């Protein structure tokens, strides 16, 4: 019984930490900021989309240029296991 309790506590800690990582990167994505816990894996061919990979989730950030030629993040999406869970567009 004691081993079961230890295993359950360990699983609960892992789930809480993973959830905190996902929520942090989702909130940062909604504010058009770079994710903290996801690693940049590729830049799309047009150099306007950056894809980050986290533990079971993906963050896509799309950049646009304004009239002055300055780049800004205009679209940010978070995909959890292939399902869109958050998207922000300016």
N, C-alpha and C. Protein backbone atom coordinates (compact mmCIF):
# COMPACT_ATOMS: atom_id res chain seq x y z
N UNK A 1 0.82 -1.19 0.00
CA UNK A 1 0.00 0.00 0.00
C UNK A 1 0.86 1.26 0.00
N UNK A 2 1.99 1.21 0.68
CA UNK A 2 2.88 2.36 0.77
C UNK A 2 3.51 2.66 -0.59
N UNK A 3 3.85 1.59 -1.34
CA UNK A 3 4.43 1.79 -2.68
C UNK A 3 3.42 2.42 -3.63
N UNK A 4 2.17 2.03 -3.53
CA UNK A 4 1.12 2.60 -4.36
C UNK A 4 0.97 4.09 -4.09
N UNK A 5 1.02 4.47 -2.84
CA UNK A 5 0.92 5.88 -2.47
C UNK A 5 2.10 6.67 -3.04
N UNK A 6 3.29 6.11 -2.99
CA UNK A 6 4.48 6.79 -3.53
C UNK A 6 4.34 6.96 -5.04
N UNK A 7 3.86 5.93 -5.72
CA UNK A 7 3.68 6.00 -7.17
C UNK A 7 2.62 7.05 -7.51
N UNK A 8 1.52 7.07 -6.79
CA UNK A 8 0.47 8.05 -7.04
C UNK A 8 0.95 9.48 -6.81
N UNK A 9 1.73 9.68 -5.77
CA UNK A 9 2.28 11.02 -5.50
C UNK A 9 3.24 11.43 -6.61
N UNK A 10 4.07 10.51 -7.07
CA UNK A 10 5.02 10.81 -8.14
C UNK A 10 4.28 11.16 -9.43
N UNK A 11 3.25 10.41 -9.76
CA UNK A 11 2.46 10.70 -10.97
C UNK A 11 1.76 12.05 -10.83
N UNK A 12 1.23 12.34 -9.67
CA UNK A 12 0.55 13.62 -9.45
C UNK A 12 1.53 14.79 -9.60
N UNK A 13 2.73 14.64 -9.09
CA UNK A 13 3.74 15.70 -9.22
C UNK A 13 4.10 15.93 -10.68
N UNK A 14 4.27 14.87 -11.44
CA UNK A 14 4.59 15.00 -12.86
C UNK A 14 3.46 15.69 -13.61
N UNK A 15 2.22 15.31 -13.32
CA UNK A 15 1.07 15.92 -13.99
C UNK A 15 0.97 17.40 -13.65
N UNK A 16 1.19 17.76 -12.40
CA UNK A 16 1.12 19.17 -12.00
C UNK A 16 2.23 19.98 -12.67
N UNK A 17 3.43 19.45 -12.72
CA UNK A 17 4.54 20.16 -13.38
C UNK A 17 4.28 20.32 -14.88
N UNK A 18 3.80 19.27 -15.53
CA UNK A 18 3.50 19.34 -16.96
C UNK A 18 2.39 20.35 -17.23
N UNK A 19 1.36 20.34 -16.39
CA UNK A 19 0.27 21.31 -16.54
C UNK A 19 0.76 22.74 -16.38
N UNK A 20 1.65 22.96 -15.43
CA UNK A 20 2.20 24.30 -15.22
C UNK A 20 2.99 24.75 -16.45
N UNK A 21 3.75 23.85 -17.05
CA UNK A 21 4.51 24.18 -18.26
C UNK A 21 3.56 24.55 -19.40
N UNK A 22 2.52 23.75 -19.59
CA UNK A 22 1.56 24.00 -20.66
C UNK A 22 0.82 25.31 -20.44
N UNK A 23 0.37 25.56 -19.24
CA UNK A 23 -0.37 26.80 -18.95
C UNK A 23 0.53 28.02 -19.12
N UNK A 24 1.77 27.93 -18.67
CA UNK A 24 2.71 29.05 -18.82
C UNK A 24 2.93 29.38 -20.28
N UNK A 25 3.20 28.38 -21.10
CA UNK A 25 3.44 28.63 -22.52
C UNK A 25 2.18 29.09 -23.24
N UNK A 26 1.00 28.61 -22.81
CA UNK A 26 -0.25 29.05 -23.43
C UNK A 26 -0.51 30.52 -23.12
N UNK A 27 -0.31 30.93 -21.88
CA UNK A 27 -0.54 32.32 -21.51
C UNK A 27 0.46 33.23 -22.22
N UNK A 28 1.72 32.81 -22.29
CA UNK A 28 2.72 33.62 -23.01
C UNK A 28 2.36 33.70 -24.49
N UNK A 29 1.85 32.62 -25.04
CA UNK A 29 1.45 32.62 -26.45
C UNK A 29 0.29 33.58 -26.68
N UNK A 30 -0.66 33.61 -25.77
CA UNK A 30 -1.79 34.52 -25.90
C UNK A 30 -1.37 35.98 -25.79
N UNK A 31 -0.23 36.23 -25.18
CA UNK A 31 0.30 37.59 -25.07
C UNK A 31 1.38 37.86 -26.13
N UNK A 32 1.46 37.02 -27.15
CA UNK A 32 2.39 37.14 -28.27
C UNK A 32 3.85 37.15 -27.82
N UNK A 33 4.17 36.36 -26.80
CA UNK A 33 5.54 36.22 -26.33
C UNK A 33 6.04 34.82 -26.67
N UNK A 34 7.37 34.67 -26.64
CA UNK A 34 7.97 33.35 -26.90
C UNK A 34 7.66 32.39 -25.76
N UNK A 35 7.44 31.12 -26.06
CA UNK A 35 7.24 30.15 -24.99
C UNK A 35 8.53 29.91 -24.21
N UNK A 36 8.39 29.56 -22.94
CA UNK A 36 9.54 29.34 -22.07
C UNK A 36 10.01 27.89 -22.11
N UNK A 37 9.07 26.96 -22.08
CA UNK A 37 9.41 25.55 -21.94
C UNK A 37 9.43 24.78 -23.26
N UNK A 38 9.02 25.38 -24.34
CA UNK A 38 9.03 24.72 -25.64
C UNK A 38 10.29 25.12 -26.40
N UNK A 39 10.83 24.19 -27.15
CA UNK A 39 12.07 24.41 -27.90
C UNK A 39 11.74 24.70 -29.36
N UNK A 40 12.43 25.68 -29.93
CA UNK A 40 12.22 26.00 -31.34
C UNK A 40 12.72 24.83 -32.19
N UNK A 41 11.84 24.30 -33.05
CA UNK A 41 12.25 23.16 -33.86
C UNK A 41 12.43 23.51 -35.33
N UNK A 42 11.69 24.51 -35.82
CA UNK A 42 11.87 24.85 -37.22
C UNK A 42 11.28 26.23 -37.52
N UNK A 43 11.79 26.79 -38.58
CA UNK A 43 11.26 28.03 -39.15
C UNK A 43 10.74 27.65 -40.53
N UNK A 44 9.49 27.97 -40.80
CA UNK A 44 8.90 27.61 -42.09
C UNK A 44 9.65 28.30 -43.23
N UNK A 45 9.43 27.83 -44.43
CA UNK A 45 10.18 28.28 -45.61
C UNK A 45 10.06 29.77 -45.85
N UNK A 46 8.94 30.35 -45.50
CA UNK A 46 8.75 31.77 -45.76
C UNK A 46 9.39 32.66 -44.68
N UNK A 47 10.01 32.05 -43.67
CA UNK A 47 10.65 32.75 -42.56
C UNK A 47 9.67 33.59 -41.75
N UNK A 48 8.39 33.34 -41.91
CA UNK A 48 7.39 34.10 -41.17
C UNK A 48 6.68 33.26 -40.11
N UNK A 49 6.95 31.97 -40.04
CA UNK A 49 6.32 31.10 -39.06
C UNK A 49 7.40 30.33 -38.30
N UNK A 50 7.35 30.42 -36.97
CA UNK A 50 8.28 29.68 -36.12
C UNK A 50 7.47 28.65 -35.34
N UNK A 51 7.95 27.41 -35.30
CA UNK A 51 7.26 26.32 -34.61
C UNK A 51 8.12 25.89 -33.42
N UNK A 52 7.49 25.81 -32.26
CA UNK A 52 8.14 25.37 -31.02
C UNK A 52 7.49 24.06 -30.58
N UNK A 53 8.29 23.14 -30.03
CA UNK A 53 7.78 21.85 -29.57
C UNK A 53 7.98 21.73 -28.07
N UNK A 54 6.89 21.49 -27.34
CA UNK A 54 6.95 21.23 -25.91
C UNK A 54 6.67 19.76 -25.66
N UNK A 55 6.38 19.42 -24.42
CA UNK A 55 6.08 18.03 -24.07
C UNK A 55 4.62 17.74 -24.37
N UNK A 56 4.33 17.29 -25.58
CA UNK A 56 2.98 16.95 -25.98
C UNK A 56 2.21 18.11 -26.59
N UNK A 57 2.84 19.25 -26.72
CA UNK A 57 2.16 20.39 -27.31
C UNK A 57 3.09 21.14 -28.26
N UNK A 58 2.49 21.90 -29.17
CA UNK A 58 3.22 22.66 -30.18
C UNK A 58 2.73 24.10 -30.15
N UNK A 59 3.65 25.03 -30.28
CA UNK A 59 3.30 26.45 -30.35
C UNK A 59 3.75 26.96 -31.72
N UNK A 60 2.83 27.58 -32.46
CA UNK A 60 3.16 28.17 -33.75
C UNK A 60 2.97 29.67 -33.65
N UNK A 61 4.00 30.42 -34.06
CA UNK A 61 3.93 31.88 -34.06
C UNK A 61 4.15 32.37 -35.48
N UNK A 62 3.23 33.18 -35.98
CA UNK A 62 3.31 33.70 -37.34
C UNK A 62 3.59 35.20 -37.29
N UNK A 63 4.56 35.63 -38.07
CA UNK A 63 4.98 37.03 -38.07
C UNK A 63 4.56 37.72 -39.36
N UNK A 64 4.27 39.01 -39.23
CA UNK A 64 3.88 39.84 -40.36
C UNK A 64 4.74 41.11 -40.33
N UNK A 65 4.74 41.83 -41.44
CA UNK A 65 5.46 43.10 -41.51
C UNK A 65 4.45 44.24 -41.64
N UNK A 66 4.70 45.32 -40.89
CA UNK A 66 3.81 46.48 -41.02
C UNK A 66 4.29 47.37 -42.16
N UNK A 67 3.70 48.53 -42.31
CA UNK A 67 4.05 49.42 -43.42
C UNK A 67 5.48 49.93 -43.34
N UNK A 68 6.03 49.98 -42.13
CA UNK A 68 7.42 50.44 -41.95
C UNK A 68 8.43 49.32 -42.14
N UNK A 69 7.96 48.12 -42.37
CA UNK A 69 8.85 46.98 -42.56
C UNK A 69 9.23 46.29 -41.27
N UNK A 70 8.67 46.69 -40.13
CA UNK A 70 8.96 46.05 -38.85
C UNK A 70 8.14 44.78 -38.72
N UNK A 71 8.77 43.72 -38.21
CA UNK A 71 8.09 42.45 -38.02
C UNK A 71 7.41 42.41 -36.67
N UNK A 72 6.23 41.82 -36.62
CA UNK A 72 5.52 41.63 -35.36
C UNK A 72 4.75 40.31 -35.41
N UNK A 73 4.54 39.74 -34.23
CA UNK A 73 3.79 38.48 -34.14
C UNK A 73 2.31 38.80 -34.23
N UNK A 74 1.64 38.30 -35.26
CA UNK A 74 0.24 38.59 -35.46
C UNK A 74 -0.67 37.41 -35.25
N UNK A 75 -0.10 36.21 -35.12
CA UNK A 75 -0.91 35.01 -34.94
C UNK A 75 -0.11 34.03 -34.09
N UNK A 76 -0.76 33.48 -33.07
CA UNK A 76 -0.10 32.53 -32.20
C UNK A 76 -1.09 31.41 -31.86
N UNK A 77 -0.66 30.16 -32.01
CA UNK A 77 -1.52 29.00 -31.77
C UNK A 77 -0.83 28.01 -30.85
N UNK A 78 -1.62 27.34 -30.02
CA UNK A 78 -1.12 26.25 -29.18
C UNK A 78 -1.91 25.00 -29.52
N UNK A 79 -1.20 23.94 -29.88
CA UNK A 79 -1.81 22.66 -30.24
C UNK A 79 -1.42 21.63 -29.20
N UNK A 80 -2.41 20.96 -28.61
CA UNK A 80 -2.17 19.93 -27.60
C UNK A 80 -2.53 18.57 -28.21
N UNK A 81 -1.52 17.73 -28.42
CA UNK A 81 -1.70 16.41 -29.03
C UNK A 81 -2.47 16.51 -30.34
N UNK A 82 -2.17 17.55 -31.16
CA UNK A 82 -2.78 17.70 -32.46
C UNK A 82 -4.13 18.39 -32.47
N UNK A 83 -4.59 18.87 -31.31
CA UNK A 83 -5.88 19.56 -31.21
C UNK A 83 -5.61 21.02 -30.86
N UNK A 84 -6.19 21.93 -31.60
CA UNK A 84 -6.01 23.35 -31.33
C UNK A 84 -6.71 23.72 -30.03
N UNK A 85 -5.93 24.26 -29.06
CA UNK A 85 -6.52 24.62 -27.77
C UNK A 85 -6.51 26.13 -27.54
N UNK A 86 -5.67 26.85 -28.26
CA UNK A 86 -5.62 28.30 -28.08
C UNK A 86 -5.10 28.94 -29.36
N UNK A 87 -5.76 30.04 -29.75
CA UNK A 87 -5.32 30.79 -30.91
C UNK A 87 -5.63 32.26 -30.70
N UNK A 88 -4.67 33.12 -31.06
CA UNK A 88 -4.84 34.56 -30.92
C UNK A 88 -4.38 35.19 -32.22
N UNK A 89 -5.20 36.08 -32.75
CA UNK A 89 -4.88 36.76 -33.99
C UNK A 89 -5.10 38.25 -33.78
N UNK A 90 -4.16 39.07 -34.27
CA UNK A 90 -4.36 40.52 -34.17
C UNK A 90 -4.99 41.06 -35.42
